[in-house]
């Protein structure tokens, strides 16, 4: 009944295994030195001891929002890939081609409007 979800479960278990393995490898094999700045609080790249009303660039939020939007759209590619691999229904490819085309046009629109320019 749930055979189609086995692949997703295997993917998540593999990702969990690799991320845990890399975490422990980096934790045990890297020389760690604690200093005052490393253990102090850190927020958004600003010194925590300065004024809380200091001005900052709105570009950080724009890039973050764009990342979330495009990341969520890319998430739809994984289930589509599983359906294409199982059914070999190439008619679904036209819908995904349209989806990727709209995604690409949105990205080009953002670049042309200068949303990703830092100057």
PDB file of N, CA and C in Angstrom:
ATOM      1  N   UNK A   1       0.817  -1.199   0.000  1.00  0.00           N
ATOM      2  CA  UNK A   1       0.000   0.000   0.000  1.00  0.00           C
ATOM      3  C   UNK A   1       0.856   1.256   0.000  1.00  0.00           C
ATOM      4  N   UNK A   2       1.910   1.245   0.790  1.00  0.00           N
ATOM      5  CA  UNK A   2       2.775   2.414   0.878  1.00  0.00           C
ATOM      6  C   UNK A   2       4.122   2.169   0.210  1.00  0.00           C
ATOM      7  N   UNK A   3       4.155   1.363  -0.806  1.00  0.00           N
ATOM      8  CA  UNK A   3       5.421   1.014  -1.447  1.00  0.00           C
ATOM      9  C   UNK A   3       6.100   2.203  -2.102  1.00  0.00           C
ATOM     10  N   UNK A   4       5.312   3.174  -2.573  1.00  0.00           N
ATOM     11  CA  UNK A   4       5.930   4.316  -3.240  1.00  0.00           C
ATOM     12  C   UNK A   4       6.671   5.239  -2.266  1.00  0.00           C
ATOM     13  N   UNK A   5       6.379   5.128  -0.983  1.00  0.00           N
ATOM     14  CA  UNK A   5       7.051   5.966   0.003  1.00  0.00           C
ATOM     15  C   UNK A   5       8.342   5.349   0.520  1.00  0.00           C
ATOM     16  N   UNK A   6       8.613   4.123   0.149  1.00  0.00           N
ATOM     17  CA  UNK A   6       9.838   3.450   0.586  1.00  0.00           C
ATOM     18  C   UNK A   6      11.070   4.196   0.084  1.00  0.00           C
ATOM     19  N   UNK A   7      11.015   4.689  -1.156  1.00  0.00           N
ATOM     20  CA  UNK A   7      12.153   5.416  -1.718  1.00  0.00           C
ATOM     21  C   UNK A   7      12.435   6.702  -0.950  1.00  0.00           C
ATOM     22  N   UNK A   8      11.378   7.404  -0.575  1.00  0.00           N
ATOM     23  CA  UNK A   8      11.553   8.640   0.190  1.00  0.00           C
ATOM     24  C   UNK A   8      12.107   8.326   1.577  1.00  0.00           C
ATOM     25  N   UNK A   9      11.627   7.252   2.191  1.00  0.00           N
ATOM     26  CA  UNK A   9      12.150   6.851   3.498  1.00  0.00           C
ATOM     27  C   UNK A   9      13.623   6.482   3.403  1.00  0.00           C
ATOM     28  N   UNK A  10      14.002   5.731   2.367  1.00  0.00           N
ATOM     29  CA  UNK A  10      15.407   5.380   2.173  1.00  0.00           C
ATOM     30  C   UNK A  10      16.260   6.628   1.967  1.00  0.00           C
ATOM     31  N   UNK A  11      15.739   7.585   1.212  1.00  0.00           N
ATOM     32  CA  UNK A  11      16.462   8.833   0.964  1.00  0.00           C
ATOM     33  C   UNK A  11      16.703   9.592   2.262  1.00  0.00           C
ATOM     34  N   UNK A  12      15.667   9.726   3.094  1.00  0.00           N
ATOM     35  CA  UNK A  12      15.815  10.451   4.352  1.00  0.00           C
ATOM     36  C   UNK A  12      16.741   9.716   5.322  1.00  0.00           C
ATOM     37  N   UNK A  13      16.641   8.392   5.366  1.00  0.00           N
ATOM     38  CA  UNK A  13      17.537   7.639   6.243  1.00  0.00           C
ATOM     39  C   UNK A  13      18.984   7.759   5.790  1.00  0.00           C
ATOM     40  N   UNK A  14      19.214   7.722   4.492  1.00  0.00           N
ATOM     41  CA  UNK A  14      20.566   7.889   3.964  1.00  0.00           C
ATOM     42  C   UNK A  14      21.091   9.295   4.271  1.00  0.00           C
ATOM     43  N   UNK A  15      20.242  10.311   4.080  1.00  0.00           N
ATOM     44  CA  UNK A  15      20.648  11.687   4.381  1.00  0.00           C
ATOM     45  C   UNK A  15      20.933  11.857   5.869  1.00  0.00           C
ATOM     46  N   UNK A  16      20.121  11.252   6.718  1.00  0.00           N
ATOM     47  CA  UNK A  16      20.351  11.322   8.161  1.00  0.00           C
ATOM     48  C   UNK A  16      21.660  10.634   8.537  1.00  0.00           C
ATOM     49  N   UNK A  17      21.929   9.491   7.940  1.00  0.00           N
ATOM     50  CA  UNK A  17      23.167   8.765   8.213  1.00  0.00           C
ATOM     51  C   UNK A  17      24.390   9.583   7.785  1.00  0.00           C
ATOM     52  N   UNK A  18      24.357  10.130   6.570  1.00  0.00           N
ATOM     53  CA  UNK A  18      25.501  10.904   6.060  1.00  0.00           C
ATOM     54  C   UNK A  18      25.719  12.157   6.900  1.00  0.00           C
ATOM     55  N   UNK A  19      24.649  12.874   7.236  1.00  0.00           N
ATOM     56  CA  UNK A  19      24.820  14.103   8.013  1.00  0.00           C
ATOM     57  C   UNK A  19      25.330  13.801   9.423  1.00  0.00           C
ATOM     58  N   UNK A  20      24.842  12.724  10.039  1.00  0.00           N
ATOM     59  CA  UNK A  20      25.328  12.349  11.360  1.00  0.00           C
ATOM     60  C   UNK A  20      26.791  11.921  11.309  1.00  0.00           C
ATOM     61  N   UNK A  21      27.129  11.161  10.297  1.00  0.00           N
ATOM     62  CA  UNK A  21      28.518  10.720  10.128  1.00  0.00           C
ATOM     63  C   UNK A  21      29.453  11.914   9.944  1.00  0.00           C
ATOM     64  N   UNK A  22      29.066  12.856   9.086  1.00  0.00           N
ATOM     65  CA  UNK A  22      29.915  14.030   8.857  1.00  0.00           C
ATOM     66  C   UNK A  22      30.034  14.896  10.105  1.00  0.00           C
ATOM     67  N   UNK A  23      28.946  14.991  10.878  1.00  0.00           N
ATOM     68  CA  UNK A  23      28.999  15.764  12.112  1.00  0.00           C
ATOM     69  C   UNK A  23      30.004  15.168  13.090  1.00  0.00           C
ATOM     70  N   UNK A  24      29.923  13.863  13.291  1.00  0.00           N
ATOM     71  CA  UNK A  24      30.823  13.243  14.258  1.00  0.00           C
ATOM     72  C   UNK A  24      32.263  13.203  13.762  1.00  0.00           C
ATOM     73  N   UNK A  25      32.457  13.055  12.469  1.00  0.00           N
ATOM     74  CA  UNK A  25      33.826  13.110  11.942  1.00  0.00           C
ATOM     75  C   UNK A  25      34.426  14.485  12.179  1.00  0.00           C
ATOM     76  N   UNK A  26      33.673  15.532  11.899  1.00  0.00           N
ATOM     77  CA  UNK A  26      34.201  16.881  12.107  1.00  0.00           C
ATOM     78  C   UNK A  26      34.353  17.203  13.592  1.00  0.00           C
ATOM     79  N   UNK A  27      33.512  16.634  14.425  1.00  0.00           N
ATOM     80  CA  UNK A  27      33.592  16.924  15.848  1.00  0.00           C
ATOM     81  C   UNK A  27      34.801  16.257  16.498  1.00  0.00           C
ATOM     82  N   UNK A  28      35.113  15.046  16.106  1.00  0.00           N
ATOM     83  CA  UNK A  28      36.183  14.314  16.771  1.00  0.00           C
ATOM     84  C   UNK A  28      37.557  14.506  16.126  1.00  0.00           C
ATOM     85  N   UNK A  29      37.620  14.830  14.852  1.00  0.00           N
ATOM     86  CA  UNK A  29      38.916  14.891  14.181  1.00  0.00           C
ATOM     87  C   UNK A  29      39.432  16.298  13.932  1.00  0.00           C
ATOM     88  N   UNK A  30      38.694  17.315  14.322  1.00  0.00           N
ATOM     89  CA  UNK A  30      39.132  18.696  14.113  1.00  0.00           C
ATOM     90  C   UNK A  30      39.586  19.259  15.453  1.00  0.00           C
ATOM     91  N   UNK A  31      40.746  19.898  15.443  1.00  0.00           N
ATOM     92  CA  UNK A  31      41.281  20.522  16.648  1.00  0.00           C
ATOM     93  C   UNK A  31      40.419  21.721  17.000  1.00  0.00           C
ATOM     94  N   UNK A  32      39.876  21.761  18.217  1.00  0.00           N
ATOM     95  CA  UNK A  32      38.955  22.808  18.627  1.00  0.00           C
ATOM     96  C   UNK A  32      39.570  23.651  19.729  1.00  0.00           C
ATOM     97  N   UNK A  33      39.560  24.962  19.504  1.00  0.00           N
ATOM     98  CA  UNK A  33      40.076  25.902  20.483  1.00  0.00           C
ATOM     99  C   UNK A  33      38.936  26.858  20.844  1.00  0.00           C
ATOM    100  N   UNK A  34      38.612  26.932  22.116  1.00  0.00           N
ATOM    101  CA  UNK A  34      37.572  27.842  22.573  1.00  0.00           C
ATOM    102  C   UNK A  34      38.207  29.170  22.960  1.00  0.00           C
ATOM    103  N   UNK A  35      37.724  30.225  22.375  1.00  0.00           N
ATOM    104  CA  UNK A  35      38.155  31.554  22.789  1.00  0.00           C
ATOM    105  C   UNK A  35      36.917  32.382  23.113  1.00  0.00           C
ATOM    106  N   UNK A  36      37.133  33.601  23.564  1.00  0.00           N
ATOM    107  CA  UNK A  36      36.034  34.430  24.040  1.00  0.00           C
ATOM    108  C   UNK A  36      35.053  34.794  22.935  1.00  0.00           C
ATOM    109  N   UNK A  37      35.555  35.066  21.756  1.00  0.00           N
ATOM    110  CA  UNK A  37      34.657  35.449  20.668  1.00  0.00           C
ATOM    111  C   UNK A  37      33.876  34.271  20.121  1.00  0.00           C
ATOM    112  N   UNK A  38      34.460  33.091  20.158  1.00  0.00           N
ATOM    113  CA  UNK A  38      33.768  31.927  19.610  1.00  0.00           C
ATOM    114  C   UNK A  38      32.592  31.509  20.496  1.00  0.00           C
ATOM    115  N   UNK A  39      32.702  31.673  21.801  1.00  0.00           N
ATOM    116  CA  UNK A  39      31.615  31.253  22.681  1.00  0.00           C
ATOM    117  C   UNK A  39      30.664  32.401  23.022  1.00  0.00           C
ATOM    118  N   UNK A  40      30.897  33.602  22.490  1.00  0.00           N
ATOM    119  CA  UNK A  40      29.987  34.716  22.750  1.00  0.00           C
ATOM    120  C   UNK A  40      28.769  34.608  21.839  1.00  0.00           C
ATOM    121  N   UNK A  41      27.713  35.340  22.200  1.00  0.00           N
ATOM    122  CA  UNK A  41      26.496  35.300  21.382  1.00  0.00           C
ATOM    123  C   UNK A  41      26.744  36.015  20.057  1.00  0.00           C
ATOM    124  N   UNK A  42      26.060  35.539  19.044  1.00  0.00           N
ATOM    125  CA  UNK A  42      26.258  36.064  17.688  1.00  0.00           C
ATOM    126  C   UNK A  42      24.899  36.170  17.025  1.00  0.00           C
ATOM    127  N   UNK A  43      24.585  37.368  16.530  1.00  0.00           N
ATOM    128  CA  UNK A  43      23.314  37.562  15.859  1.00  0.00           C
ATOM    129  C   UNK A  43      23.513  38.387  14.605  1.00  0.00           C
ATOM    130  N   UNK A  44      23.172  37.821  13.492  1.00  0.00           N
ATOM    131  CA  UNK A  44      23.070  38.507  12.200  1.00  0.00           C
ATOM    132  C   UNK A  44      24.338  39.233  11.774  1.00  0.00           C
ATOM    133  N   UNK A  45      25.474  38.885  12.260  1.00  0.00           N
ATOM    134  CA  UNK A  45      26.708  39.512  11.826  1.00  0.00           C
ATOM    135  C   UNK A  45      27.028  40.814  12.525  1.00  0.00           C
ATOM    136  N   UNK A  46      26.191  41.241  13.441  1.00  0.00           N
ATOM    137  CA  UNK A  46      26.427  42.493  14.147  1.00  0.00           C
ATOM    138  C   UNK A  46      26.936  42.194  15.557  1.00  0.00           C
ATOM    139  N   UNK A  47      27.690  43.100  16.085  1.00  0.00           N
ATOM    140  CA  UNK A  47      28.185  42.949  17.448  1.00  0.00           C
ATOM    141  C   UNK A  47      27.009  43.033  18.418  1.00  0.00           C
ATOM    142  N   UNK A  48      26.879  42.096  19.339  1.00  0.00           N
ATOM    143  CA  UNK A  48      25.731  42.123  20.242  1.00  0.00           C
ATOM    144  C   UNK A  48      25.807  43.225  21.293  1.00  0.00           C
ATOM    145  N   UNK A  49      26.914  43.936  21.369  1.00  0.00           N
ATOM    146  CA  UNK A  49      27.068  44.975  22.373  1.00  0.00           C
ATOM    147  C   UNK A  49      26.816  46.371  21.815  1.00  0.00           C
ATOM    148  N   UNK A  50      26.330  46.458  20.574  1.00  0.00           N
ATOM    149  CA  UNK A  50      26.066  47.777  19.996  1.00  0.00           C
ATOM    150  C   UNK A  50      24.587  48.127  20.149  1.00  0.00           C
ATOM    151  N   UNK A  51      24.203  49.261  19.583  1.00  0.00           N
ATOM    152  CA  UNK A  51      22.835  49.742  19.675  1.00  0.00           C
ATOM    153  C   UNK A  51      21.893  48.825  18.902  1.00  0.00           C
ATOM    154  N   UNK A  52      20.746  48.534  19.471  1.00  0.00           N
ATOM    155  CA  UNK A  52      19.798  47.643  18.799  1.00  0.00           C
ATOM    156  C   UNK A  52      19.037  48.333  17.678  1.00  0.00           C
ATOM    157  N   UNK A  53      19.174  49.646  17.560  1.00  0.00           N
ATOM    158  CA  UNK A  53      18.461  50.385  16.516  1.00  0.00           C
ATOM    159  C   UNK A  53      19.357  50.756  15.343  1.00  0.00           C
ATOM    160  N   UNK A  54      20.463  50.081  15.195  1.00  0.00           N
ATOM    161  CA  UNK A  54      21.352  50.422  14.086  1.00  0.00           C
ATOM    162  C   UNK A  54      20.740  49.956  12.767  1.00  0.00           C
ATOM    163  N   UNK A  55      21.048  50.678  11.699  1.00  0.00           N
ATOM    164  CA  UNK A  55      20.480  50.369  10.392  1.00  0.00           C
ATOM    165  C   UNK A  55      21.211  49.182   9.782  1.00  0.00           C
ATOM    166  N   UNK A  56      20.484  48.407   9.015  1.00  0.00           N
ATOM    167  CA  UNK A  56      21.063  47.263   8.318  1.00  0.00           C
ATOM    168  C   UNK A  56      20.435  47.175   6.932  1.00  0.00           C
ATOM    169  N   UNK A  57      21.052  46.409   6.097  1.00  0.00           N
ATOM    170  CA  UNK A  57      20.614  46.283   4.717  1.00  0.00           C
ATOM    171  C   UNK A  57      19.396  45.368   4.606  1.00  0.00           C
ATOM    172  N   UNK A  58      18.415  45.788   3.834  1.00  0.00           N
ATOM    173  CA  UNK A  58      17.229  44.977   3.594  1.00  0.00           C
ATOM    174  C   UNK A  58      17.527  43.833   2.637  1.00  0.00           C
ATOM    175  N   UNK A  59      18.684  43.876   1.971  1.00  0.00           N
ATOM    176  CA  UNK A  59      19.052  42.833   1.006  1.00  0.00           C
ATOM    177  C   UNK A  59      19.177  41.459   1.660  1.00  0.00           C
ATOM    178  N   UNK A  60      19.515  41.429   2.936  1.00  0.00           N
ATOM    179  CA  UNK A  60      19.586  40.143   3.634  1.00  0.00           C
ATOM    180  C   UNK A  60      18.218  39.454   3.619  1.00  0.00           C
ATOM    181  N   UNK A  61      17.165  40.225   3.863  1.00  0.00           N
ATOM    182  CA  UNK A  61      15.825  39.654   3.852  1.00  0.00           C
ATOM    183  C   UNK A  61      15.397  39.278   2.438  1.00  0.00           C
ATOM    184  N   UNK A  62      15.734  40.100   1.460  1.00  0.00           N
ATOM    185  CA  UNK A  62      15.348  39.801   0.077  1.00  0.00           C
ATOM    186  C   UNK A  62      15.993  38.510  -0.395  1.00  0.00           C
ATOM    187  N   UNK A  63      17.270  38.338  -0.127  1.00  0.00           N
ATOM    188  CA  UNK A  63      17.945  37.107  -0.529  1.00  0.00           C
ATOM    189  C   UNK A  63      17.369  35.918   0.226  1.00  0.00           C
ATOM    190  N   UNK A  64      17.056  36.080   1.499  1.00  0.00           N
ATOM    191  CA  UNK A  64      16.453  34.999   2.266  1.00  0.00           C
ATOM    192  C   UNK A  64      15.090  34.593   1.731  1.00  0.00           C
ATOM    193  N   UNK A  65      14.260  35.563   1.392  1.00  0.00           N
ATOM    194  CA  UNK A  65      12.934  35.268   0.848  1.00  0.00           C
ATOM    195  C   UNK A  65      13.058  34.607  -0.515  1.00  0.00           C
ATOM    196  N   UNK A  66      13.958  35.103  -1.362  1.00  0.00           N
ATOM    197  CA  UNK A  66      14.150  34.478  -2.674  1.00  0.00           C
ATOM    198  C   UNK A  66      14.651  33.056  -2.536  1.00  0.00           C
ATOM    199  N   UNK A  67      15.534  32.826  -1.576  1.00  0.00           N
ATOM    200  CA  UNK A  67      16.023  31.469  -1.355  1.00  0.00           C
ATOM    201  C   UNK A  67      14.882  30.539  -0.951  1.00  0.00           C
ATOM    202  N   UNK A  68      14.031  30.989  -0.054  1.00  0.00           N
ATOM    203  CA  UNK A  68      12.917  30.141   0.389  1.00  0.00           C
ATOM    204  C   UNK A  68      11.963  29.862  -0.759  1.00  0.00           C
ATOM    205  N   UNK A  69      11.655  30.876  -1.561  1.00  0.00           N
ATOM    206  CA  UNK A  69      10.733  30.685  -2.680  1.00  0.00           C
ATOM    207  C   UNK A  69      11.289  29.671  -3.668  1.00  0.00           C
ATOM    208  N   UNK A  70      12.526  29.860  -4.102  1.00  0.00           N
ATOM    209  CA  UNK A  70      13.087  28.945  -5.093  1.00  0.00           C
ATOM    210  C   UNK A  70      13.368  27.572  -4.492  1.00  0.00           C
ATOM    211  N   UNK A  71      13.685  27.513  -3.226  1.00  0.00           N
ATOM    212  CA  UNK A  71      13.931  26.228  -2.591  1.00  0.00           C
ATOM    213  C   UNK A  71      12.643  25.419  -2.500  1.00  0.00           C
ATOM    214  N   UNK A  72      11.540  26.048  -2.150  1.00  0.00           N
ATOM    215  CA  UNK A  72      10.266  25.337  -2.097  1.00  0.00           C
ATOM    216  C   UNK A  72       9.813  24.878  -3.471  1.00  0.00           C
ATOM    217  N   UNK A  73      10.115  25.647  -4.488  1.00  0.00           N
ATOM    218  CA  UNK A  73       9.734  25.223  -5.835  1.00  0.00           C
ATOM    219  C   UNK A  73      10.586  24.051  -6.298  1.00  0.00           C
ATOM    220  N   UNK A  74      11.827  24.014  -5.898  1.00  0.00           N
ATOM    221  CA  UNK A  74      12.697  22.907  -6.282  1.00  0.00           C
ATOM    222  C   UNK A  74      12.273  21.620  -5.569  1.00  0.00           C
ATOM    223  N   UNK A  75      11.670  21.738  -4.385  1.00  0.00           N
ATOM    224  CA  UNK A  75      11.219  20.553  -3.653  1.00  0.00           C
ATOM    225  C   UNK A  75      10.194  19.767  -4.462  1.00  0.00           C
ATOM    226  N   UNK A  76       9.428  20.437  -5.315  1.00  0.00           N
ATOM    227  CA  UNK A  76       8.437  19.745  -6.131  1.00  0.00           C
ATOM    228  C   UNK A  76       9.077  18.858  -7.193  1.00  0.00           C
ATOM    229  N   UNK A  77      10.340  19.050  -7.469  1.00  0.00           N
ATOM    230  CA  UNK A  77      10.989  18.223  -8.479  1.00  0.00           C
ATOM    231  C   UNK A  77      11.220  16.790  -8.002  1.00  0.00           C
ATOM    232  N   UNK A  78      11.390  16.567  -6.724  1.00  0.00           N
ATOM    233  CA  UNK A  78      11.695  15.226  -6.221  1.00  0.00           C
ATOM    234  C   UNK A  78      10.522  14.261  -6.391  1.00  0.00           C
ATOM    235  N   UNK A  79       9.289  14.601  -5.980  1.00  0.00           N
ATOM    236  CA  UNK A  79       8.183  13.663  -6.230  1.00  0.00           C
ATOM    237  C   UNK A  79       7.913  13.471  -7.717  1.00  0.00           C
ATOM    238  N   UNK A  80       8.087  14.521  -8.489  1.00  0.00           N
ATOM    239  CA  UNK A  80       7.886  14.397  -9.932  1.00  0.00           C
ATOM    240  C   UNK A  80       8.878  13.406 -10.529  1.00  0.00           C
ATOM    241  N   UNK A  81      10.106  13.446 -10.077  1.00  0.00           N
ATOM    242  CA  UNK A  81      11.117  12.525 -10.571  1.00  0.00           C
ATOM    243  C   UNK A  81      10.756  11.083 -10.236  1.00  0.00           C
ATOM    244  N   UNK A  82      10.217  10.847  -9.041  1.00  0.00           N
ATOM    245  CA  UNK A  82       9.804   9.499  -8.673  1.00  0.00           C
ATOM    246  C   UNK A  82       8.654   9.001  -9.543  1.00  0.00           C
ATOM    247  N   UNK A  83       7.725   9.884  -9.869  1.00  0.00           N
ATOM    248  CA  UNK A  83       6.601   9.487 -10.718  1.00  0.00           C
ATOM    249  C   UNK A  83       7.082   9.177 -12.129  1.00  0.00           C
ATOM    250  N   UNK A  84       7.977   9.999 -12.655  1.00  0.00           N
ATOM    251  CA  UNK A  84       8.497   9.770 -14.005  1.00  0.00           C
ATOM    252  C   UNK A  84       9.285   8.464 -14.049  1.00  0.00           C
ATOM    253  N   UNK A  85      10.083   8.196 -13.020  1.00  0.00           N
ATOM    254  CA  UNK A  85      10.880   6.973 -13.024  1.00  0.00           C
ATOM    255  C   UNK A  85      10.004   5.731 -12.940  1.00  0.00           C
ATOM    256  N   UNK A  86       8.892   5.805 -12.207  1.00  0.00           N
ATOM    257  CA  UNK A  86       8.053   4.627 -12.030  1.00  0.00           C
ATOM    258  C   UNK A  86       7.120   4.398 -13.215  1.00  0.00           C
ATOM    259  N   UNK A  87       6.489   5.449 -13.691  1.00  0.00           N
ATOM    260  CA  UNK A  87       5.480   5.292 -14.736  1.00  0.00           C
ATOM    261  C   UNK A  87       6.013   5.491 -16.146  1.00  0.00           C
ATOM    262  N   UNK A  88       7.143   6.138 -16.246  1.00  0.00           N
ATOM    263  CA  UNK A  88       7.699   6.503 -17.544  1.00  0.00           C
ATOM    264  C   UNK A  88       6.665   7.250 -18.393  1.00  0.00           C
ATOM    265  N   UNK A  89       5.886   8.071 -17.735  1.00  0.00           N
ATOM    266  CA  UNK A  89       4.868   8.856 -18.431  1.00  0.00           C
ATOM    267  C   UNK A  89       5.488  10.181 -18.851  1.00  0.00           C
ATOM    268  N   UNK A  90       5.899  10.238 -20.073  1.00  0.00           N
ATOM    269  CA  UNK A  90       6.584  11.438 -20.543  1.00  0.00           C
ATOM    270  C   UNK A  90       5.632  12.600 -20.777  1.00  0.00           C
ATOM    271  N   UNK A  91       4.331  12.349 -20.744  1.00  0.00           N
ATOM    272  CA  UNK A  91       3.379  13.451 -20.867  1.00  0.00           C
ATOM    273  C   UNK A  91       3.471  14.369 -19.651  1.00  0.00           C
ATOM    274  N   UNK A  92       3.865  13.794 -18.510  1.00  0.00           N
ATOM    275  CA  UNK A  92       4.071  14.611 -17.310  1.00  0.00           C
ATOM    276  C   UNK A  92       5.267  15.532 -17.473  1.00  0.00           C
ATOM    277  N   UNK A  93       6.155  15.200 -18.379  1.00  0.00           N
ATOM    278  CA  UNK A  93       7.330  16.027 -18.617  1.00  0.00           C
ATOM    279  C   UNK A  93       6.981  17.403 -19.136  1.00  0.00           C
ATOM    280  N   UNK A  94       5.885  17.506 -19.897  1.00  0.00           N
ATOM    281  CA  UNK A  94       5.494  18.816 -20.416  1.00  0.00           C
ATOM    282  C   UNK A  94       5.043  19.744 -19.296  1.00  0.00           C
ATOM    283  N   UNK A  95       4.313  19.211 -18.341  1.00  0.00           N
ATOM    284  CA  UNK A  95       3.897  20.026 -17.196  1.00  0.00           C
ATOM    285  C   UNK A  95       5.088  20.475 -16.374  1.00  0.00           C
ATOM    286  N   UNK A  96       6.049  19.583 -16.175  1.00  0.00           N
ATOM    287  CA  UNK A  96       7.230  19.960 -15.404  1.00  0.00           C
ATOM    288  C   UNK A  96       8.107  20.919 -16.194  1.00  0.00           C
ATOM    289  N   UNK A  97       8.143  20.742 -17.508  1.00  0.00           N
ATOM    290  CA  UNK A  97       8.893  21.693 -18.329  1.00  0.00           C
ATOM    291  C   UNK A  97       8.297  23.088 -18.180  1.00  0.00           C
ATOM    292  N   UNK A  98       6.973  23.186 -18.186  1.00  0.00           N
ATOM    293  CA  UNK A  98       6.315  24.482 -17.991  1.00  0.00           C
ATOM    294  C   UNK A  98       6.629  25.037 -16.600  1.00  0.00           C
ATOM    295  N   UNK A  99       6.633  24.176 -15.585  1.00  0.00           N
ATOM    296  CA  UNK A  99       6.950  24.597 -14.219  1.00  0.00           C
ATOM    297  C   UNK A  99       8.377  25.143 -14.135  1.00  0.00           C
ATOM    298  N   UNK A 100       9.323  24.430 -14.732  1.00  0.00           N
ATOM    299  CA  UNK A 100      10.719  24.876 -14.705  1.00  0.00           C
ATOM    300  C   UNK A 100      10.900  26.146 -15.516  1.00  0.00           C
ATOM    301  N   UNK A 101      10.167  26.275 -16.615  1.00  0.00           N
ATOM    302  CA  UNK A 101      10.244  27.487 -17.431  1.00  0.00           C
ATOM    303  C   UNK A 101       9.743  28.697 -16.643  1.00  0.00           C
ATOM    304  N   UNK A 102       8.628  28.548 -15.934  1.00  0.00           N
ATOM    305  CA  UNK A 102       8.114  29.646 -15.105  1.00  0.00           C
ATOM    306  C   UNK A 102       9.103  29.982 -13.991  1.00  0.00           C
ATOM    307  N   UNK A 103       9.708  28.960 -13.402  1.00  0.00           N
ATOM    308  CA  UNK A 103      10.732  29.172 -12.366  1.00  0.00           C
ATOM    309  C   UNK A 103      11.922  29.938 -12.942  1.00  0.00           C
ATOM    310  N   UNK A 104      12.366  29.551 -14.118  1.00  0.00           N
ATOM    311  CA  UNK A 104      13.493  30.218 -14.763  1.00  0.00           C
ATOM    312  C   UNK A 104      13.144  31.659 -15.126  1.00  0.00           C
ATOM    313  N   UNK A 105      11.945  31.897 -15.635  1.00  0.00           N
ATOM    314  CA  UNK A 105      11.538  33.265 -15.972  1.00  0.00           C
ATOM    315  C   UNK A 105      11.474  34.140 -14.715  1.00  0.00           C
ATOM    316  N   UNK A 106      10.997  33.591 -13.603  1.00  0.00           N
ATOM    317  CA  UNK A 106      10.975  34.352 -12.353  1.00  0.00           C
ATOM    318  C   UNK A 106      12.372  34.691 -11.875  1.00  0.00           C
ATOM    319  N   UNK A 107      13.282  33.744 -12.023  1.00  0.00           N
ATOM    320  CA  UNK A 107      14.661  33.995 -11.618  1.00  0.00           C
ATOM    321  C   UNK A 107      15.305  35.061 -12.504  1.00  0.00           C
ATOM    322  N   UNK A 108      15.071  34.991 -13.810  1.00  0.00           N
ATOM    323  CA  UNK A 108      15.607  36.010 -14.736  1.00  0.00           C
ATOM    324  C   UNK A 108      15.005  37.377 -14.417  1.00  0.00           C
ATOM    325  N   UNK A 109      13.722  37.406 -14.078  1.00  0.00           N
ATOM    326  CA  UNK A 109      13.070  38.664 -13.705  1.00  0.00           C
ATOM    327  C   UNK A 109      13.723  39.273 -12.463  1.00  0.00           C
ATOM    328  N   UNK A 110      14.031  38.439 -11.475  1.00  0.00           N
ATOM    329  CA  UNK A 110      14.683  38.931 -10.264  1.00  0.00           C
ATOM    330  C   UNK A 110      16.083  39.454 -10.564  1.00  0.00           C
ATOM    331  N   UNK A 111      16.803  38.785 -11.434  1.00  0.00           N
ATOM    332  CA  UNK A 111      18.148  39.248 -11.789  1.00  0.00           C
ATOM    333  C   UNK A 111      18.083  40.568 -12.550  1.00  0.00           C
ATOM    334  N   UNK A 112      17.136  40.675 -13.475  1.00  0.00           N
ATOM    335  CA  UNK A 112      17.031  41.905 -14.272  1.00  0.00           C
ATOM    336  C   UNK A 112      16.591  43.096 -13.425  1.00  0.00           C
ATOM    337  N   UNK A 113      15.804  42.860 -12.382  1.00  0.00           N
ATOM    338  CA  UNK A 113      15.402  43.952 -11.503  1.00  0.00           C
ATOM    339  C   UNK A 113      16.467  44.304 -10.479  1.00  0.00           C
ATOM    340  N   UNK A 114      17.524  43.524 -10.429  1.00  0.00           N
ATOM    341  CA  UNK A 114      18.638  43.841  -9.532  1.00  0.00           C
ATOM    342  C   UNK A 114      18.409  43.414  -8.093  1.00  0.00           C
ATOM    343  N   UNK A 115      17.558  42.417  -7.874  1.00  0.00           N
ATOM    344  CA  UNK A 115      17.298  41.985  -6.492  1.00  0.00           C
ATOM    345  C   UNK A 115      18.501  41.298  -5.885  1.00  0.00           C
ATOM    346  N   UNK A 116      19.399  40.756  -6.708  1.00  0.00           N
ATOM    347  CA  UNK A 116      20.556  40.051  -6.197  1.00  0.00           C
ATOM    348  C   UNK A 116      21.858  40.872  -6.301  1.00  0.00           C
ATOM    349  N   UNK A 117      21.771  42.107  -6.725  1.00  0.00           N
ATOM    350  CA  UNK A 117      22.952  42.970  -6.803  1.00  0.00           C
ATOM    351  C   UNK A 117      23.272  43.540  -5.427  1.00  0.00           C
ATOM    352  N   UNK A 118      24.539  43.535  -5.066  1.00  0.00           N
ATOM    353  CA  UNK A 118      24.959  44.024  -3.772  1.00  0.00           C
ATOM    354  C   UNK A 118      25.598  45.403  -3.854  1.00  0.00           C
ATOM    355  N   UNK A 119      25.515  46.029  -4.971  1.00  0.00           N
ATOM    356  CA  UNK A 119      26.169  47.339  -5.127  1.00  0.00           C
ATOM    357  C   UNK A 119      25.186  48.466  -5.162  1.00  0.00           C
TER     358      UNK A 119
END
